[in-house]
Amino acid sequence: MLKQQKSEMTEHGENSMEISQEGISLIKKFEGCELEAYKCAAGVWTIGYGHTEGVNPNDEMDKEAAEELLVLDLVVYEKSVNWIITAPMNQQQFDALVSFTFNLGETNLCNSTLRKVLNEEKYNEVPNQIRRWNKAGGKVNEGLIRRREAEALLFQGQDWSHV
């Protein structure tokens, strides 16, 4: 049902890609699902699967609402990656970049060396560019080191589930 809702909300262009279940699994693993608002490592109010827009300190939701918000958020980040990245990508590369952008935002992707090297089709440089984004609030974060490693492995088509 969520896939159907998402499809109805997405305007598909000729080169438009959508995140796969594998990419969603990676995001869910690293975001976790919090049903009460909390401040993330970067000090941003967050709820559900890493949703930040319009979140207030006392907000609460149920699991179904968290799933629905995830679907809405994924549409935004899929569109961003489809727009910002002009190089051809396979599904796993796209999934890794949607996860990256979901966590860091489209502005960071847009302004990154990662975008530059990928759009120059220097695919072998991308994993190391992904791994560089391991700080929250200016400090290296163990959770982000693991997430970036998982995204780098997924980008390369390798098993990330053990990270």
C-alpha atoms as a PDB file:
ATOM      1  CA  MET A   1       0.000   0.000   0.000  1.00  0.00           C
ATOM      2  CA  LEU A   2       2.820   2.430   0.814  1.00  0.00           C
ATOM      3  CA  LYS A   3       4.397   1.801  -2.598  1.00  0.00           C
ATOM      4  CA  GLN A   4       1.037   2.572  -4.236  1.00  0.00           C
ATOM      5  CA  GLN A   5       0.682   5.822  -2.258  1.00  0.00           C
ATOM      6  CA  LYS A   6       4.206   6.777  -3.220  1.00  0.00           C
ATOM      7  CA  SER A   7       3.633   6.039  -6.894  1.00  0.00           C
ATOM      8  CA  GLU A   8       0.501   8.150  -6.909  1.00  0.00           C
ATOM      9  CA  MET A   9       2.439  11.070  -5.422  1.00  0.00           C
ATOM     10  CA  THR A  10       5.441  10.927  -7.739  1.00  0.00           C
ATOM     11  CA  GLU A  11       5.464  12.591 -11.120  1.00  0.00           C
ATOM     12  CA  HIS A  12       7.629  10.269 -13.158  1.00  0.00           C
ATOM     13  CA  GLY A  13      10.000  11.686 -15.707  1.00  0.00           C
ATOM     14  CA  GLU A  14      11.726   9.605 -18.327  1.00  0.00           C
ATOM     15  CA  ASN A  15      14.893   9.244 -16.226  1.00  0.00           C
ATOM     16  CA  SER A  16      13.202   9.180 -12.828  1.00  0.00           C
ATOM     17  CA  MET A  17      14.305   6.489 -10.402  1.00  0.00           C
ATOM     18  CA  GLU A  18      12.695   5.345  -7.160  1.00  0.00           C
ATOM     19  CA  ILE A  19      14.370   3.880  -4.100  1.00  0.00           C
ATOM     20  CA  SER A  20      14.162   0.098  -3.771  1.00  0.00           C
ATOM     21  CA  GLN A  21      13.242  -1.923  -0.702  1.00  0.00           C
ATOM     22  CA  GLU A  22      16.953  -2.458  -0.062  1.00  0.00           C
ATOM     23  CA  GLY A  23      17.530   1.294   0.119  1.00  0.00           C
ATOM     24  CA  ILE A  24      14.530   1.738   2.413  1.00  0.00           C
ATOM     25  CA  SER A  25      15.899  -1.029   4.645  1.00  0.00           C
ATOM     26  CA  LEU A  26      19.220   0.782   4.950  1.00  0.00           C
ATOM     27  CA  ILE A  27      17.485   4.040   5.886  1.00  0.00           C
ATOM     28  CA  LYS A  28      15.259   2.311   8.437  1.00  0.00           C
ATOM     29  CA  LYS A  29      18.205   0.472   9.986  1.00  0.00           C
ATOM     30  CA  PHE A  30      20.200   3.632  10.587  1.00  0.00           C
ATOM     31  CA  GLU A  31      17.383   6.063  11.339  1.00  0.00           C
ATOM     32  CA  GLY A  32      15.441   3.754  13.625  1.00  0.00           C
ATOM     33  CA  CYS A  33      11.836   4.653  14.403  1.00  0.00           C
ATOM     34  CA  GLU A  34      11.179   7.004  17.299  1.00  0.00           C
ATOM     35  CA  LEU A  35       7.535   7.719  18.038  1.00  0.00           C
ATOM     36  CA  GLU A  36       8.301  10.650  20.340  1.00  0.00           C
ATOM     37  CA  ALA A  37      10.251  13.736  19.239  1.00  0.00           C
ATOM     38  CA  TYR A  38      13.926  13.802  20.199  1.00  0.00           C
ATOM     39  CA  LYS A  39      17.021  15.834  19.367  1.00  0.00           C
ATOM     40  CA  CYS A  40      19.357  14.000  17.009  1.00  0.00           C
ATOM     41  CA  ALA A  41      23.158  14.114  17.298  1.00  0.00           C
ATOM     42  CA  ALA A  42      23.158  17.357  15.294  1.00  0.00           C
ATOM     43  CA  GLY A  43      20.684  18.932  17.747  1.00  0.00           C
ATOM     44  CA  VAL A  44      17.678  18.862  15.385  1.00  0.00           C
ATOM     45  CA  TRP A  45      14.195  17.849  16.579  1.00  0.00           C
ATOM     46  CA  THR A  46      13.369  14.554  14.886  1.00  0.00           C
ATOM     47  CA  ILE A  47      10.549  11.983  14.908  1.00  0.00           C
ATOM     48  CA  GLY A  48       9.620   8.774  13.102  1.00  0.00           C
ATOM     49  CA  TYR A  49      12.283   7.579  10.654  1.00  0.00           C
ATOM     50  CA  GLY A  50      14.447  10.692  10.796  1.00  0.00           C
ATOM     51  CA  HIS A  51      11.737  13.206   9.885  1.00  0.00           C
ATOM     52  CA  THR A  52      12.742  16.760  10.866  1.00  0.00           C
ATOM     53  CA  GLU A  53      10.429  19.215   9.135  1.00  0.00           C
ATOM     54  CA  GLY A  54       8.029  20.949  11.531  1.00  0.00           C
ATOM     55  CA  VAL A  55       8.884  18.714  14.509  1.00  0.00           C
ATOM     56  CA  ASN A  56       8.254  20.168  17.978  1.00  0.00           C
ATOM     57  CA  PRO A  57       9.602  18.928  21.346  1.00  0.00           C
ATOM     58  CA  ASN A  58       6.400  17.227  22.562  1.00  0.00           C
ATOM     59  CA  ASP A  59       5.323  15.659  19.262  1.00  0.00           C
ATOM     60  CA  GLU A  60       4.238  12.008  19.220  1.00  0.00           C
ATOM     61  CA  MET A  61       2.997   9.660  16.500  1.00  0.00           C
ATOM     62  CA  ASP A  62       2.135   6.025  15.934  1.00  0.00           C
ATOM     63  CA  LYS A  63       4.021   3.557  13.734  1.00  0.00           C
ATOM     64  CA  GLU A  64       1.577   3.989  10.837  1.00  0.00           C
ATOM     65  CA  ALA A  65       2.099   7.767  10.827  1.00  0.00           C
ATOM     66  CA  ALA A  66       5.873   7.225  10.881  1.00  0.00           C
ATOM     67  CA  GLU A  67       5.621   4.940   7.831  1.00  0.00           C
ATOM     68  CA  GLU A  68       3.464   7.498   6.000  1.00  0.00           C
ATOM     69  CA  LEU A  69       5.933  10.308   6.763  1.00  0.00           C
ATOM     70  CA  LEU A  70       8.782   8.140   5.491  1.00  0.00           C
ATOM     71  CA  VAL A  71       6.968   7.672   2.176  1.00  0.00           C
ATOM     72  CA  LEU A  72       6.469  11.431   1.842  1.00  0.00           C
ATOM     73  CA  ASP A  73      10.091  12.153   2.740  1.00  0.00           C
ATOM     74  CA  LEU A  74      11.419   9.555   0.295  1.00  0.00           C
ATOM     75  CA  VAL A  75       9.565  11.185  -2.599  1.00  0.00           C
ATOM     76  CA  VAL A  76      11.337  14.464  -1.824  1.00  0.00           C
ATOM     77  CA  TYR A  77      14.803  12.893  -1.665  1.00  0.00           C
ATOM     78  CA  GLU A  78      14.283  10.715  -4.736  1.00  0.00           C
ATOM     79  CA  LYS A  79      13.379  13.817  -6.723  1.00  0.00           C
ATOM     80  CA  SER A  80      16.419  15.637  -5.352  1.00  0.00           C
ATOM     81  CA  VAL A  81      18.834  12.879  -6.331  1.00  0.00           C
ATOM     82  CA  ASN A  82      17.193  12.518  -9.751  1.00  0.00           C
ATOM     83  CA  TRP A  83      17.642  16.257 -10.308  1.00  0.00           C
ATOM     84  CA  ILE A  84      21.110  16.816  -8.784  1.00  0.00           C
ATOM     85  CA  ILE A  85      22.864  13.747 -10.202  1.00  0.00           C
ATOM     86  CA  THR A  86      23.159  13.728 -13.977  1.00  0.00           C
ATOM     87  CA  ALA A  87      25.410  10.670 -14.348  1.00  0.00           C
ATOM     88  CA  PRO A  88      23.767   7.326 -15.112  1.00  0.00           C
ATOM     89  CA  MET A  89      23.284   5.197 -11.987  1.00  0.00           C
ATOM     90  CA  ASN A  90      22.202   1.678 -11.245  1.00  0.00           C
ATOM     91  CA  GLN A  91      19.614   0.922  -8.557  1.00  0.00           C
ATOM     92  CA  GLN A  92      22.093   0.332  -5.742  1.00  0.00           C
ATOM     93  CA  GLN A  93      23.981   3.541  -6.517  1.00  0.00           C
ATOM     94  CA  PHE A  94      20.726   5.482  -6.518  1.00  0.00           C
ATOM     95  CA  ASP A  95      19.595   3.867  -3.251  1.00  0.00           C
ATOM     96  CA  ALA A  96      22.893   4.782  -1.552  1.00  0.00           C
ATOM     97  CA  LEU A  97      22.554   8.396  -2.656  1.00  0.00           C
ATOM     98  CA  VAL A  98      18.934   8.675  -1.529  1.00  0.00           C
ATOM     99  CA  SER A  99      19.972   7.380   1.906  1.00  0.00           C
ATOM    100  CA  PHE A 100      22.878   9.852   1.978  1.00  0.00           C
ATOM    101  CA  THR A 101      20.613  12.744   0.969  1.00  0.00           C
ATOM    102  CA  PHE A 102      17.852  11.658   3.356  1.00  0.00           C
ATOM    103  CA  ASN A 103      20.366  11.970   6.198  1.00  0.00           C
ATOM    104  CA  LEU A 104      22.275  15.068   5.089  1.00  0.00           C
ATOM    105  CA  GLY A 105      19.858  17.049   2.924  1.00  0.00           C
ATOM    106  CA  GLU A 106      19.825  18.046  -0.699  1.00  0.00           C
ATOM    107  CA  THR A 107      21.909  21.207  -0.146  1.00  0.00           C
ATOM    108  CA  ASN A 108      24.833  19.151   1.146  1.00  0.00           C
ATOM    109  CA  LEU A 109      24.589  16.768  -1.814  1.00  0.00           C
ATOM    110  CA  CYS A 110      24.311  19.646  -4.252  1.00  0.00           C
ATOM    111  CA  ASN A 111      27.382  21.449  -2.866  1.00  0.00           C
ATOM    112  CA  SER A 112      29.532  18.348  -2.359  1.00  0.00           C
ATOM    113  CA  THR A 113      32.616  17.020  -4.084  1.00  0.00           C
ATOM    114  CA  LEU A 114      30.647  13.752  -4.115  1.00  0.00           C
ATOM    115  CA  ARG A 115      28.188  15.291  -6.605  1.00  0.00           C
ATOM    116  CA  LYS A 116      31.030  16.680  -8.697  1.00  0.00           C
ATOM    117  CA  VAL A 117      32.934  13.400  -9.030  1.00  0.00           C
ATOM    118  CA  LEU A 118      29.785  11.382  -9.631  1.00  0.00           C
ATOM    119  CA  ASN A 119      28.511  13.728 -12.314  1.00  0.00           C
ATOM    120  CA  GLU A 120      31.948  13.399 -13.932  1.00  0.00           C
ATOM    121  CA  GLU A 121      31.243   9.627 -13.861  1.00  0.00           C
ATOM    122  CA  LYS A 122      34.237   8.923 -11.610  1.00  0.00           C
ATOM    123  CA  TYR A 123      32.306   6.110  -9.920  1.00  0.00           C
ATOM    124  CA  ASN A 124      35.374   4.634  -8.208  1.00  0.00           C
ATOM    125  CA  GLU A 125      35.872   7.895  -6.232  1.00  0.00           C
ATOM    126  CA  VAL A 126      32.308   8.028  -4.886  1.00  0.00           C
ATOM    127  CA  PRO A 127      32.600   5.567  -1.957  1.00  0.00           C
ATOM    128  CA  ASN A 128      35.419   7.573  -0.362  1.00  0.00           C
ATOM    129  CA  GLN A 129      33.468  10.789  -0.895  1.00  0.00           C
ATOM    130  CA  ILE A 130      30.485   9.208   0.880  1.00  0.00           C
ATOM    131  CA  ARG A 131      32.672   8.125   3.820  1.00  0.00           C
ATOM    132  CA  ARG A 132      33.910  11.695   4.393  1.00  0.00           C
ATOM    133  CA  TRP A 133      30.477  12.759   5.744  1.00  0.00           C
ATOM    134  CA  ASN A 134      30.847  11.260   9.216  1.00  0.00           C
ATOM    135  CA  LYS A 135      30.326  14.257  11.522  1.00  0.00           C
ATOM    136  CA  ALA A 136      27.323  15.546  13.471  1.00  0.00           C
ATOM    137  CA  GLY A 137      27.575  18.904  15.182  1.00  0.00           C
ATOM    138  CA  GLY A 138      31.204  19.130  14.016  1.00  0.00           C
ATOM    139  CA  LYS A 139      32.246  15.885  15.759  1.00  0.00           C
ATOM    140  CA  VAL A 140      32.977  12.477  14.262  1.00  0.00           C
ATOM    141  CA  ASN A 141      30.019  10.212  15.055  1.00  0.00           C
ATOM    142  CA  GLU A 142      30.329   6.398  15.269  1.00  0.00           C
ATOM    143  CA  GLY A 143      26.798   5.890  13.942  1.00  0.00           C
ATOM    144  CA  LEU A 144      27.572   8.047  10.916  1.00  0.00           C
ATOM    145  CA  ILE A 145      30.824   6.176  10.284  1.00  0.00           C
ATOM    146  CA  ARG A 146      28.787   2.943  10.121  1.00  0.00           C
ATOM    147  CA  ARG A 147      26.034   4.498   7.996  1.00  0.00           C
ATOM    148  CA  ARG A 148      28.478   5.997   5.502  1.00  0.00           C
ATOM    149  CA  GLU A 149      30.271   2.645   5.248  1.00  0.00           C
ATOM    150  CA  ALA A 150      26.949   0.906   4.558  1.00  0.00           C
ATOM    151  CA  GLU A 151      26.065   3.510   1.906  1.00  0.00           C
ATOM    152  CA  ALA A 152      29.531   3.189   0.310  1.00  0.00           C
ATOM    153  CA  LEU A 153      29.170  -0.606   0.183  1.00  0.00           C
ATOM    154  CA  LEU A 154      25.657  -0.378  -1.268  1.00  0.00           C
ATOM    155  CA  PHE A 155      26.910   2.101  -3.890  1.00  0.00           C
ATOM    156  CA  GLN A 156      29.493  -0.524  -4.901  1.00  0.00           C
ATOM    157  CA  GLY A 157      26.877  -3.286  -5.021  1.00  0.00           C
ATOM    158  CA  GLN A 158      28.300  -5.036  -1.966  1.00  0.00           C
ATOM    159  CA  ASP A 159      26.635  -6.436   1.140  1.00  0.00           C
ATOM    160  CA  TRP A 160      26.146  -3.653   3.688  1.00  0.00           C
ATOM    161  CA  SER A 161      23.935  -5.505   6.173  1.00  0.00           C
ATOM    162  CA  HIS A 162      26.798  -6.510   8.498  1.00  0.00           C
ATOM    163  CA  VAL A 163      27.859  -2.903   9.126  1.00  0.00           C
END
